[in-house]
Amino acid sequence: MAEDAPEVPTLMPCPLCGRSLIPAPAESSITFNCKSGHELSLGDLLRAQSPVLNCGLEILLAEWSRQHQALIRTIVDARKNGYLNVAEIFSRHAKSLESRIDKVLSAYSQSESSKLIKVRTAPSIDTMG
């Protein structure tokens, strides 16, 4: 079952029809769907060795990292101001996003695309204290 994630089109075109791909995180993987109904795994996209798809994945990873950092700042602020329930809610969202980032990084490290793409790791939510 897919995790809660907003339907955010990426800058990656579906290799089958050209429409924008939308990430659909699941428990053990991430798939990408287009409005035409095509479903591609992260591994499929990396195996395509497409510079456009690789760039799109890099941009998606950077955006998820940016969102993760914003969540971390919100959690720290909520804890500092005594809103522990709010901090816990945002912490769950941050962990979900961190899991997606880790899945992409893991897939990169196992693919030939890792030789083409430079990705930075996101700090873990566990390092926040």
Protein backbone atom coordinates (compact mmCIF):
# COMPACT_ATOMS: atom_id res chain seq x y z
CA MET A 1 0.00 0.00 0.00
CA ALA A 2 1.31 3.46 -0.87
CA GLU A 3 2.35 5.82 1.91
CA ASP A 4 0.69 9.19 2.19
CA ALA A 5 2.40 11.37 -0.36
CA PRO A 6 1.07 14.30 -2.32
CA GLU A 7 0.62 13.80 -6.04
CA VAL A 8 3.56 15.86 -7.18
CA PRO A 9 4.48 15.59 -10.82
CA THR A 10 8.19 15.31 -11.38
CA LEU A 11 10.31 16.72 -14.15
CA MET A 12 10.67 13.16 -15.42
CA PRO A 13 8.81 12.13 -18.54
CA CYS A 14 7.34 8.66 -18.76
CA PRO A 15 9.66 6.77 -21.14
CA LEU A 16 6.59 5.09 -22.66
CA CYS A 17 4.39 8.12 -23.38
CA GLY A 18 6.19 11.30 -22.32
CA ARG A 19 3.70 12.39 -19.65
CA SER A 20 4.98 13.48 -16.23
CA LEU A 21 5.73 10.74 -13.75
CA ILE A 22 4.33 10.93 -10.20
CA PRO A 23 6.13 9.09 -7.39
CA ALA A 24 4.03 6.57 -5.46
CA PRO A 25 5.99 5.46 -2.39
CA ALA A 26 5.12 2.02 -1.09
CA GLU A 27 6.38 0.13 1.94
CA SER A 28 9.31 -1.56 0.24
CA SER A 29 9.85 0.49 -2.90
CA ILE A 30 8.91 3.54 -4.92
CA THR A 31 7.03 3.30 -8.18
CA PHE A 32 6.28 6.06 -10.63
CA ASN A 33 2.96 6.42 -12.42
CA CYS A 34 1.85 8.61 -15.27
CA LYS A 35 -1.66 9.78 -16.16
CA SER A 36 -1.73 7.24 -18.99
CA GLY A 37 -1.58 4.42 -16.45
CA HIS A 38 2.01 3.31 -16.91
CA GLU A 39 3.77 2.15 -13.75
CA LEU A 40 7.54 2.02 -13.55
CA SER A 41 9.76 1.00 -10.66
CA LEU A 42 12.65 3.13 -9.49
CA GLY A 43 14.94 0.37 -10.77
CA ASP A 44 13.31 0.58 -14.22
CA LEU A 45 14.03 4.31 -14.37
CA LEU A 46 17.64 3.87 -13.29
CA ARG A 47 18.21 1.03 -15.78
CA ALA A 48 16.98 3.28 -18.59
CA GLN A 49 20.29 5.20 -18.33
CA SER A 50 18.44 8.31 -19.50
CA PRO A 51 20.10 11.64 -18.66
CA VAL A 52 16.64 13.27 -18.47
CA LEU A 53 15.32 10.65 -16.04
CA ASN A 54 18.53 10.75 -13.98
CA CYS A 55 18.34 14.55 -13.77
CA GLY A 56 14.66 14.33 -12.80
CA LEU A 57 15.47 11.83 -10.05
CA GLU A 58 18.26 14.07 -8.80
CA ILE A 59 15.87 17.05 -8.67
CA LEU A 60 13.21 14.95 -6.92
CA LEU A 61 15.75 13.80 -4.34
CA ALA A 62 16.88 17.40 -3.75
CA GLU A 63 13.26 18.51 -3.28
CA TRP A 64 12.54 15.68 -0.84
CA SER A 65 15.71 16.61 1.06
CA ARG A 66 14.60 20.25 1.20
CA GLN A 67 11.16 19.20 2.50
CA HIS A 68 12.82 16.90 5.05
CA GLN A 69 14.95 19.77 6.37
CA ALA A 70 11.85 21.99 6.67
CA LEU A 71 10.12 19.25 8.68
CA ILE A 72 13.17 18.90 10.94
CA ARG A 73 13.14 22.65 11.63
CA THR A 74 9.41 22.48 12.43
CA ILE A 75 9.94 19.55 14.80
CA VAL A 76 12.75 21.34 16.65
CA ASP A 77 10.65 24.51 16.93
CA ALA A 78 7.57 22.60 18.13
CA ARG A 79 9.60 20.77 20.79
CA LYS A 80 11.28 23.98 21.90
CA ASN A 81 7.88 25.62 22.38
CA GLY A 82 6.30 22.67 24.19
CA TYR A 83 4.08 21.38 21.35
CA LEU A 84 5.12 17.76 21.72
CA ASN A 85 2.05 16.31 19.97
CA VAL A 86 2.67 18.54 16.96
CA ALA A 87 6.35 17.55 16.98
CA GLU A 88 5.37 13.87 16.97
CA ILE A 89 3.05 14.32 13.98
CA PHE A 90 5.73 16.11 11.98
CA SER A 91 8.27 13.53 13.11
CA ARG A 92 6.20 10.76 11.51
CA HIS A 93 6.06 12.72 8.25
CA ALA A 94 9.82 13.34 8.39
CA LYS A 95 10.51 9.63 8.95
CA SER A 96 8.31 8.73 5.99
CA LEU A 97 10.14 11.22 3.79
CA GLU A 98 13.50 10.02 5.11
CA SER A 99 12.50 6.47 4.15
CA ARG A 100 11.76 7.60 0.58
CA ILE A 101 15.11 9.40 0.39
CA ASP A 102 16.90 6.29 1.68
CA LYS A 103 15.13 4.11 -0.91
CA VAL A 104 16.29 6.36 -3.74
CA LEU A 105 19.85 6.53 -2.38
CA SER A 106 19.93 2.75 -1.99
CA ALA A 107 18.67 2.23 -5.53
CA TYR A 108 21.29 4.68 -6.84
CA SER A 109 24.08 2.85 -5.05
CA GLN A 110 23.01 -0.45 -6.61
CA SER A 111 22.66 0.86 -10.15
CA GLU A 112 24.94 1.89 -12.94
CA SER A 113 23.43 5.38 -12.59
CA SER A 114 25.46 5.88 -9.42
CA LYS A 115 28.42 6.52 -11.69
CA LEU A 116 26.52 9.33 -13.40
CA ILE A 117 24.72 11.08 -10.55
CA LYS A 118 26.13 12.78 -7.50
CA VAL A 119 23.64 12.67 -4.63
CA ARG A 120 23.98 14.00 -1.12
CA THR A 121 22.63 12.13 1.85
CA ALA A 122 20.01 13.70 4.06
CA PRO A 123 20.60 13.88 7.80
CA SER A 124 18.65 11.30 9.76
CA ILE A 125 15.78 12.35 11.95
CA ASP A 126 17.41 10.26 14.67
CA THR A 127 20.33 12.74 14.80
CA MET A 128 18.00 15.48 16.05
CA GLY A 129 18.00 14.21 19.63
